[in-house]
Amino acid sequence: MQNVRLSGAWVIAGVSLCALGFLLFMGQPFAAKAQEPKRFQYKIVEVLPDTQNMQTKLNEFGESGWELVAVPMGSMTEPRLIFKK
């Protein structure tokens, strides 16, 4: 009776190892890919200090894929919008 139990344990272990080997062999390889550094473009746009003009420029550049990243507050007579893409 003990030989039957021992044989059953070996069969289960063998099937488990075969399944694991199959999964390792057929599974997708784990390849580490080097990531390229992100590259950005920047654009600085001077606009008139009225809300409608600024909103028009923001929408215009936003539709082209530019993202507003800063509005320096140094000169309110000539505000600058800084975009990146």
PDB file of N, CA and C in Angstrom:
ATOM      1  N   MET A   1       0.824  -1.205   0.000  1.00  0.00           N
ATOM      2  CA  MET A   1       0.000   0.000   0.000  1.00  0.00           C
ATOM      3  C   MET A   1       0.865   1.265   0.000  1.00  0.00           C
ATOM      4  N   GLN A   2       1.974   1.182   0.749  1.00  0.00           N
ATOM      5  CA  GLN A   2       2.851   2.341   0.833  1.00  0.00           C
ATOM      6  C   GLN A   2       3.573   2.561  -0.493  1.00  0.00           C
ATOM      7  N   ASN A   3       3.870   1.494  -1.232  1.00  0.00           N
ATOM      8  CA  ASN A   3       4.498   1.640  -2.542  1.00  0.00           C
ATOM      9  C   ASN A   3       3.561   2.347  -3.517  1.00  0.00           C
ATOM     10  N   VAL A   4       2.259   2.089  -3.397  1.00  0.00           N
ATOM     11  CA  VAL A   4       1.280   2.723  -4.284  1.00  0.00           C
ATOM     12  C   VAL A   4       1.229   4.223  -3.990  1.00  0.00           C
ATOM     13  N   ARG A   5       1.246   4.591  -2.720  1.00  0.00           N
ATOM     14  CA  ARG A   5       1.239   6.006  -2.355  1.00  0.00           C
ATOM     15  C   ARG A   5       2.507   6.706  -2.844  1.00  0.00           C
ATOM     16  N   LEU A   6       3.635   6.036  -2.675  1.00  0.00           N
ATOM     17  CA  LEU A   6       4.897   6.608  -3.091  1.00  0.00           C
ATOM     18  C   LEU A   6       4.916   6.771  -4.607  1.00  0.00           C
ATOM     19  N   SER A   7       4.416   5.804  -5.351  1.00  0.00           N
ATOM     20  CA  SER A   7       4.371   5.885  -6.809  1.00  0.00           C
ATOM     21  C   SER A   7       3.440   7.018  -7.250  1.00  0.00           C
ATOM     22  N   GLY A   8       2.311   7.158  -6.592  1.00  0.00           N
ATOM     23  CA  GLY A   8       1.377   8.231  -6.912  1.00  0.00           C
ATOM     24  C   GLY A   8       2.003   9.594  -6.693  1.00  0.00           C
ATOM     25  N   ALA A   9       2.782   9.746  -5.635  1.00  0.00           N
ATOM     26  CA  ALA A   9       3.456  11.013  -5.350  1.00  0.00           C
ATOM     27  C   ALA A   9       4.477  11.319  -6.441  1.00  0.00           C
ATOM     28  N   TRP A  10       5.194  10.301  -6.911  1.00  0.00           N
ATOM     29  CA  TRP A  10       6.178  10.510  -7.984  1.00  0.00           C
ATOM     30  C   TRP A  10       5.488  10.881  -9.298  1.00  0.00           C
ATOM     31  N   VAL A  11       4.345  10.286  -9.550  1.00  0.00           N
ATOM     32  CA  VAL A  11       3.601  10.611 -10.767  1.00  0.00           C
ATOM     33  C   VAL A  11       3.127  12.061 -10.728  1.00  0.00           C
ATOM     34  N   ILE A  12       2.591  12.477  -9.591  1.00  0.00           N
ATOM     35  CA  ILE A  12       2.125  13.848  -9.443  1.00  0.00           C
ATOM     36  C   ILE A  12       3.295  14.830  -9.581  1.00  0.00           C
ATOM     37  N   ALA A  13       4.429  14.510  -8.949  1.00  0.00           N
ATOM     38  CA  ALA A  13       5.605  15.377  -9.044  1.00  0.00           C
ATOM     39  C   ALA A  13       6.102  15.453 -10.491  1.00  0.00           C
ATOM     40  N   GLY A  14       6.116  14.323 -11.171  1.00  0.00           N
ATOM     41  CA  GLY A  14       6.574  14.304 -12.559  1.00  0.00           C
ATOM     42  C   GLY A  14       5.672  15.113 -13.473  1.00  0.00           C
ATOM     43  N   VAL A  15       4.371  14.952 -13.304  1.00  0.00           N
ATOM     44  CA  VAL A  15       3.419  15.703 -14.127  1.00  0.00           C
ATOM     45  C   VAL A  15       3.556  17.198 -13.836  1.00  0.00           C
ATOM     46  N   SER A  16       3.724  17.565 -12.589  1.00  0.00           N
ATOM     47  CA  SER A  16       3.883  18.967 -12.219  1.00  0.00           C
ATOM     48  C   SER A  16       5.141  19.566 -12.842  1.00  0.00           C
ATOM     49  N   LEU A  17       6.252  18.827 -12.781  1.00  0.00           N
ATOM     50  CA  LEU A  17       7.493  19.313 -13.372  1.00  0.00           C
ATOM     51  C   LEU A  17       7.388  19.431 -14.887  1.00  0.00           C
ATOM     52  N   CYS A  18       6.713  18.489 -15.512  1.00  0.00           N
ATOM     53  CA  CYS A  18       6.509  18.564 -16.962  1.00  0.00           C
ATOM     54  C   CYS A  18       5.658  19.782 -17.329  1.00  0.00           C
ATOM     55  N   ALA A  19       4.609  20.025 -16.566  1.00  0.00           N
ATOM     56  CA  ALA A  19       3.750  21.178 -16.828  1.00  0.00           C
ATOM     57  C   ALA A  19       4.534  22.477 -16.647  1.00  0.00           C
ATOM     58  N   LEU A  20       5.338  22.545 -15.611  1.00  0.00           N
ATOM     59  CA  LEU A  20       6.151  23.734 -15.373  1.00  0.00           C
ATOM     60  C   LEU A  20       7.158  23.938 -16.499  1.00  0.00           C
ATOM     61  N   GLY A  21       7.806  22.851 -16.914  1.00  0.00           N
ATOM     62  CA  GLY A  21       8.754  22.940 -18.021  1.00  0.00           C
ATOM     63  C   GLY A  21       8.075  23.389 -19.305  1.00  0.00           C
ATOM     64  N   PHE A  22       6.898  22.879 -19.574  1.00  0.00           N
ATOM     65  CA  PHE A  22       6.150  23.265 -20.767  1.00  0.00           C
ATOM     66  C   PHE A  22       5.809  24.753 -20.734  1.00  0.00           C
ATOM     67  N   LEU A  23       5.345  25.230 -19.577  1.00  0.00           N
ATOM     68  CA  LEU A  23       5.003  26.650 -19.445  1.00  0.00           C
ATOM     69  C   LEU A  23       6.225  27.549 -19.620  1.00  0.00           C
ATOM     70  N   LEU A  24       7.348  27.129 -19.065  1.00  0.00           N
ATOM     71  CA  LEU A  24       8.568  27.922 -19.220  1.00  0.00           C
ATOM     72  C   LEU A  24       9.055  27.916 -20.664  1.00  0.00           C
ATOM     73  N   PHE A  25       8.926  26.781 -21.320  1.00  0.00           N
ATOM     74  CA  PHE A  25       9.393  26.658 -22.704  1.00  0.00           C
ATOM     75  C   PHE A  25       8.481  27.402 -23.673  1.00  0.00           C
ATOM     76  N   MET A  26       7.178  27.320 -23.482  1.00  0.00           N
ATOM     77  CA  MET A  26       6.215  27.908 -24.419  1.00  0.00           C
ATOM     78  C   MET A  26       5.825  29.336 -24.061  1.00  0.00           C
ATOM     79  N   GLY A  27       6.064  29.743 -22.839  1.00  0.00           N
ATOM     80  CA  GLY A  27       5.688  31.092 -22.418  1.00  0.00           C
ATOM     81  C   GLY A  27       6.527  32.141 -23.114  1.00  0.00           C
ATOM     82  N   GLN A  28       6.041  33.349 -23.120  1.00  0.00           N
ATOM     83  CA  GLN A  28       6.780  34.440 -23.743  1.00  0.00           C
ATOM     84  C   GLN A  28       8.022  34.753 -22.921  1.00  0.00           C
ATOM     85  N   PRO A  29       9.121  35.005 -23.597  1.00  0.00           N
ATOM     86  CA  PRO A  29      10.353  35.310 -22.859  1.00  0.00           C
ATOM     87  C   PRO A  29      10.247  36.650 -22.147  1.00  0.00           C
ATOM     88  N   PHE A  30      10.888  36.726 -21.030  1.00  0.00           N
ATOM     89  CA  PHE A  30      10.906  37.959 -20.257  1.00  0.00           C
ATOM     90  C   PHE A  30      12.137  38.755 -20.673  1.00  0.00           C
ATOM     91  N   ALA A  31      11.980  39.586 -21.654  1.00  0.00           N
ATOM     92  CA  ALA A  31      13.093  40.387 -22.156  1.00  0.00           C
ATOM     93  C   ALA A  31      12.951  41.812 -21.638  1.00  0.00           C
ATOM     94  N   ALA A  32      13.981  42.287 -21.009  1.00  0.00           N
ATOM     95  CA  ALA A  32      13.970  43.670 -20.520  1.00  0.00           C
ATOM     96  C   ALA A  32      14.304  44.583 -21.689  1.00  0.00           C
ATOM     97  N   LYS A  33      13.438  45.540 -21.946  1.00  0.00           N
ATOM     98  CA  LYS A  33      13.656  46.479 -23.032  1.00  0.00           C
ATOM     99  C   LYS A  33      14.176  47.793 -22.455  1.00  0.00           C
ATOM    100  N   ALA A  34      15.180  48.306 -23.088  1.00  0.00           N
ATOM    101  CA  ALA A  34      15.696  49.607 -22.672  1.00  0.00           C
ATOM    102  C   ALA A  34      14.721  50.685 -23.136  1.00  0.00           C
ATOM    103  N   GLN A  35      14.370  51.556 -22.242  1.00  0.00           N
ATOM    104  CA  GLN A  35      13.438  52.630 -22.590  1.00  0.00           C
ATOM    105  C   GLN A  35      14.210  53.800 -23.174  1.00  0.00           C
ATOM    106  N   GLU A  36      13.674  54.320 -24.263  1.00  0.00           N
ATOM    107  CA  GLU A  36      14.280  55.504 -24.850  1.00  0.00           C
ATOM    108  C   GLU A  36      13.944  56.705 -23.973  1.00  0.00           C
ATOM    109  N   PRO A  37      14.885  57.611 -23.840  1.00  0.00           N
ATOM    110  CA  PRO A  37      14.574  58.810 -23.052  1.00  0.00           C
ATOM    111  C   PRO A  37      13.499  59.630 -23.760  1.00  0.00           C
ATOM    112  N   LYS A  38      12.612  60.192 -22.973  1.00  0.00           N
ATOM    113  CA  LYS A  38      11.556  61.023 -23.545  1.00  0.00           C
ATOM    114  C   LYS A  38      12.165  62.320 -24.059  1.00  0.00           C
ATOM    115  N   ARG A  39      11.685  62.709 -25.207  1.00  0.00           N
ATOM    116  CA  ARG A  39      12.167  63.950 -25.804  1.00  0.00           C
ATOM    117  C   ARG A  39      10.989  64.894 -25.957  1.00  0.00           C
ATOM    118  N   PHE A  40      11.190  66.115 -25.526  1.00  0.00           N
ATOM    119  CA  PHE A  40      10.126  67.104 -25.572  1.00  0.00           C
ATOM    120  C   PHE A  40      10.539  68.272 -26.456  1.00  0.00           C
ATOM    121  N   GLN A  41       9.548  68.924 -26.993  1.00  0.00           N
ATOM    122  CA  GLN A  41       9.732  70.193 -27.682  1.00  0.00           C
ATOM    123  C   GLN A  41       9.058  71.249 -26.820  1.00  0.00           C
ATOM    124  N   TYR A  42       9.620  72.433 -26.818  1.00  0.00           N
ATOM    125  CA  TYR A  42       9.035  73.527 -26.046  1.00  0.00           C
ATOM    126  C   TYR A  42       8.770  74.709 -26.967  1.00  0.00           C
ATOM    127  N   LYS A  43       7.747  75.452 -26.632  1.00  0.00           N
ATOM    128  CA  LYS A  43       7.391  76.635 -27.413  1.00  0.00           C
ATOM    129  C   LYS A  43       6.962  77.721 -26.438  1.00  0.00           C
ATOM    130  N   ILE A  44       7.495  78.928 -26.627  1.00  0.00           N
ATOM    131  CA  ILE A  44       7.121  80.077 -25.803  1.00  0.00           C
ATOM    132  C   ILE A  44       6.362  81.053 -26.695  1.00  0.00           C
ATOM    133  N   VAL A  45       5.157  81.414 -26.263  1.00  0.00           N
ATOM    134  CA  VAL A  45       4.288  82.269 -27.062  1.00  0.00           C
ATOM    135  C   VAL A  45       3.898  83.489 -26.229  1.00  0.00           C
ATOM    136  N   GLU A  46       4.140  84.674 -26.776  1.00  0.00           N
ATOM    137  CA  GLU A  46       3.687  85.901 -26.120  1.00  0.00           C
ATOM    138  C   GLU A  46       2.292  86.222 -26.637  1.00  0.00           C
ATOM    139  N   VAL A  47       1.401  86.548 -25.729  1.00  0.00           N
ATOM    140  CA  VAL A  47       0.011  86.825 -26.102  1.00  0.00           C
ATOM    141  C   VAL A  47      -0.420  88.162 -25.519  1.00  0.00           C
ATOM    142  N   LEU A  48      -1.506  88.685 -26.064  1.00  0.00           N
ATOM    143  CA  LEU A  48      -2.094  89.894 -25.491  1.00  0.00           C
ATOM    144  C   LEU A  48      -2.735  89.531 -24.163  1.00  0.00           C
ATOM    145  N   PRO A  49      -2.733  90.451 -23.203  1.00  0.00           N
ATOM    146  CA  PRO A  49      -3.211  90.108 -21.858  1.00  0.00           C
ATOM    147  C   PRO A  49      -4.728  90.105 -21.683  1.00  0.00           C
ATOM    148  N   ASP A  50      -5.484  89.755 -22.728  1.00  0.00           N
ATOM    149  CA  ASP A  50      -6.934  89.659 -22.522  1.00  0.00           C
ATOM    150  C   ASP A  50      -7.352  88.182 -22.557  1.00  0.00           C
ATOM    151  N   THR A  51      -8.398  87.883 -21.826  1.00  0.00           N
ATOM    152  CA  THR A  51      -8.831  86.501 -21.640  1.00  0.00           C
ATOM    153  C   THR A  51      -9.189  85.818 -22.950  1.00  0.00           C
ATOM    154  N   GLN A  52      -9.895  86.485 -23.821  1.00  0.00           N
ATOM    155  CA  GLN A  52     -10.329  85.869 -25.085  1.00  0.00           C
ATOM    156  C   GLN A  52      -9.134  85.488 -25.951  1.00  0.00           C
ATOM    157  N   ASN A  53      -8.158  86.386 -26.052  1.00  0.00           N
ATOM    158  CA  ASN A  53      -6.970  86.100 -26.852  1.00  0.00           C
ATOM    159  C   ASN A  53      -6.194  84.924 -26.272  1.00  0.00           C
ATOM    160  N   MET A  54      -6.014  84.898 -24.949  1.00  0.00           N
ATOM    161  CA  MET A  54      -5.290  83.805 -24.304  1.00  0.00           C
ATOM    162  C   MET A  54      -6.016  82.482 -24.509  1.00  0.00           C
ATOM    163  N   GLN A  55      -7.331  82.491 -24.367  1.00  0.00           N
ATOM    164  CA  GLN A  55      -8.119  81.269 -24.534  1.00  0.00           C
ATOM    165  C   GLN A  55      -8.021  80.754 -25.969  1.00  0.00           C
ATOM    166  N   THR A  56      -8.039  81.658 -26.929  1.00  0.00           N
ATOM    167  CA  THR A  56      -7.906  81.269 -28.336  1.00  0.00           C
ATOM    168  C   THR A  56      -6.566  80.592 -28.579  1.00  0.00           C
ATOM    169  N   LYS A  57      -5.489  81.177 -28.060  1.00  0.00           N
ATOM    170  CA  LYS A  57      -4.157  80.599 -28.225  1.00  0.00           C
ATOM    171  C   LYS A  57      -4.045  79.244 -27.523  1.00  0.00           C
ATOM    172  N   LEU A  58      -4.605  79.144 -26.316  1.00  0.00           N
ATOM    173  CA  LEU A  58      -4.563  77.868 -25.584  1.00  0.00           C
ATOM    174  C   LEU A  58      -5.268  76.771 -26.377  1.00  0.00           C
ATOM    175  N   ASN A  59      -6.443  77.065 -26.903  1.00  0.00           N
ATOM    176  CA  ASN A  59      -7.185  76.076 -27.694  1.00  0.00           C
ATOM    177  C   ASN A  59      -6.446  75.722 -28.982  1.00  0.00           C
ATOM    178  N   GLU A  60      -5.862  76.718 -29.621  1.00  0.00           N
ATOM    179  CA  GLU A  60      -5.137  76.502 -30.871  1.00  0.00           C
ATOM    180  C   GLU A  60      -3.955  75.549 -30.666  1.00  0.00           C
ATOM    181  N   PHE A  61      -3.160  75.801 -29.640  1.00  0.00           N
ATOM    182  CA  PHE A  61      -2.000  74.954 -29.393  1.00  0.00           C
ATOM    183  C   PHE A  61      -2.408  73.599 -28.804  1.00  0.00           C
ATOM    184  N   GLY A  62      -3.457  73.568 -28.010  1.00  0.00           N
ATOM    185  CA  GLY A  62      -3.943  72.305 -27.455  1.00  0.00           C
ATOM    186  C   GLY A  62      -4.409  71.348 -28.528  1.00  0.00           C
ATOM    187  N   GLU A  63      -5.064  71.863 -29.563  1.00  0.00           N
ATOM    188  CA  GLU A  63      -5.516  71.022 -30.672  1.00  0.00           C
ATOM    189  C   GLU A  63      -4.343  70.450 -31.461  1.00  0.00           C
ATOM    190  N   SER A  64      -3.205  71.134 -31.415  1.00  0.00           N
ATOM    191  CA  SER A  64      -2.010  70.674 -32.131  1.00  0.00           C
ATOM    192  C   SER A  64      -1.151  69.747 -31.280  1.00  0.00           C
ATOM    193  N   GLY A  65      -1.625  69.417 -30.079  1.00  0.00           N
ATOM    194  CA  GLY A  65      -0.887  68.483 -29.230  1.00  0.00           C
ATOM    195  C   GLY A  65       0.041  69.129 -28.222  1.00  0.00           C
ATOM    196  N   TRP A  66       0.027  70.448 -28.118  1.00  0.00           N
ATOM    197  CA  TRP A  66       0.870  71.142 -27.154  1.00  0.00           C
ATOM    198  C   TRP A  66       0.171  71.204 -25.802  1.00  0.00           C
ATOM    199  N   GLU A  67       0.949  71.079 -24.740  1.00  0.00           N
ATOM    200  CA  GLU A  67       0.419  71.136 -23.371  1.00  0.00           C
ATOM    201  C   GLU A  67       1.006  72.362 -22.672  1.00  0.00           C
ATOM    202  N   LEU A  68       0.139  73.158 -22.057  1.00  0.00           N
ATOM    203  CA  LEU A  68       0.598  74.330 -21.317  1.00  0.00           C
ATOM    204  C   LEU A  68       1.294  73.865 -20.045  1.00  0.00           C
ATOM    205  N   VAL A  69       2.540  74.328 -19.835  1.00  0.00           N
ATOM    206  CA  VAL A  69       3.274  73.906 -18.644  1.00  0.00           C
ATOM    207  C   VAL A  69       3.591  75.053 -17.693  1.00  0.00           C
ATOM    208  N   ALA A  70       3.566  76.286 -18.196  1.00  0.00           N
ATOM    209  CA  ALA A  70       3.877  77.417 -17.311  1.00  0.00           C
ATOM    210  C   ALA A  70       3.366  78.721 -17.903  1.00  0.00           C
ATOM    211  N   VAL A  71       3.069  79.662 -17.025  1.00  0.00           N
ATOM    212  CA  VAL A  71       2.732  81.027 -17.407  1.00  0.00           C
ATOM    213  C   VAL A  71       3.518  81.933 -16.461  1.00  0.00           C
ATOM    214  N   PRO A  72       4.703  82.363 -16.888  1.00  0.00           N
ATOM    215  CA  PRO A  72       5.490  83.244 -16.012  1.00  0.00           C
ATOM    216  C   PRO A  72       4.736  84.550 -15.758  1.00  0.00           C
ATOM    217  N   MET A  73       4.731  85.003 -14.538  1.00  0.00           N
ATOM    218  CA  MET A  73       3.964  86.190 -14.153  1.00  0.00           C
ATOM    219  C   MET A  73       4.852  87.427 -14.047  1.00  0.00           C
ATOM    220  N   GLY A  74       6.031  87.418 -14.683  1.00  0.00           N
ATOM    221  CA  GLY A  74       6.953  88.549 -14.588  1.00  0.00           C
ATOM    222  C   GLY A  74       6.393  89.823 -15.179  1.00  0.00           C
ATOM    223  N   SER A  75       5.779  89.735 -16.348  1.00  0.00           N
ATOM    224  CA  SER A  75       5.272  90.925 -17.020  1.00  0.00           C
ATOM    225  C   SER A  75       3.831  90.686 -17.439  1.00  0.00           C
ATOM    226  N   MET A  76       2.903  91.370 -16.800  1.00  0.00           N
ATOM    227  CA  MET A  76       1.488  91.171 -17.138  1.00  0.00           C
ATOM    228  C   MET A  76       1.105  91.932 -18.401  1.00  0.00           C
ATOM    229  N   THR A  77       1.989  92.801 -18.897  1.00  0.00           N
ATOM    230  CA  THR A  77       1.675  93.496 -20.139  1.00  0.00           C
ATOM    231  C   THR A  77       1.956  92.602 -21.352  1.00  0.00           C
ATOM    232  N   GLU A  78       2.849  91.642 -21.206  1.00  0.00           N
ATOM    233  CA  GLU A  78       3.153  90.675 -22.267  1.00  0.00           C
ATOM    234  C   GLU A  78       3.270  89.285 -21.658  1.00  0.00           C
ATOM    235  N   PRO A  79       2.153  88.667 -21.275  1.00  0.00           N
ATOM    236  CA  PRO A  79       2.254  87.336 -20.683  1.00  0.00           C
ATOM    237  C   PRO A  79       2.792  86.318 -21.689  1.00  0.00           C
ATOM    238  N   ARG A  80       3.518  85.359 -21.176  1.00  0.00           N
ATOM    239  CA  ARG A  80       4.074  84.301 -22.013  1.00  0.00           C
ATOM    240  C   ARG A  80       3.436  82.975 -21.621  1.00  0.00           C
ATOM    241  N   LEU A  81       3.088  82.204 -22.619  1.00  0.00           N
ATOM    242  CA  LEU A  81       2.573  80.852 -22.403  1.00  0.00           C
ATOM    243  C   LEU A  81       3.675  79.885 -22.821  1.00  0.00           C
ATOM    244  N   ILE A  82       4.033  78.967 -21.952  1.00  0.00           N
ATOM    245  CA  ILE A  82       5.081  77.992 -22.276  1.00  0.00           C
ATOM    246  C   ILE A  82       4.427  76.633 -22.455  1.00  0.00           C
ATOM    247  N   PHE A  83       4.607  76.068 -23.639  1.00  0.00           N
ATOM    248  CA  PHE A  83       4.009  74.782 -23.999  1.00  0.00           C
ATOM    249  C   PHE A  83       5.104  73.736 -24.179  1.00  0.00           C
ATOM    250  N   LYS A  84       4.718  72.472 -24.025  1.00  0.00           N
ATOM    251  CA  LYS A  84       5.623  71.376 -24.358  1.00  0.00           C
ATOM    252  C   LYS A  84       4.842  70.303 -25.103  1.00  0.00           C
ATOM    253  N   LYS A  85       5.568  69.567 -25.910  1.00  0.00           N
ATOM    254  CA  LYS A  85       4.955  68.466 -26.679  1.00  0.00           C
ATOM    255  C   LYS A  85       5.893  67.301 -26.671  1.00  0.00           C
TER     256      LYS A  85
END
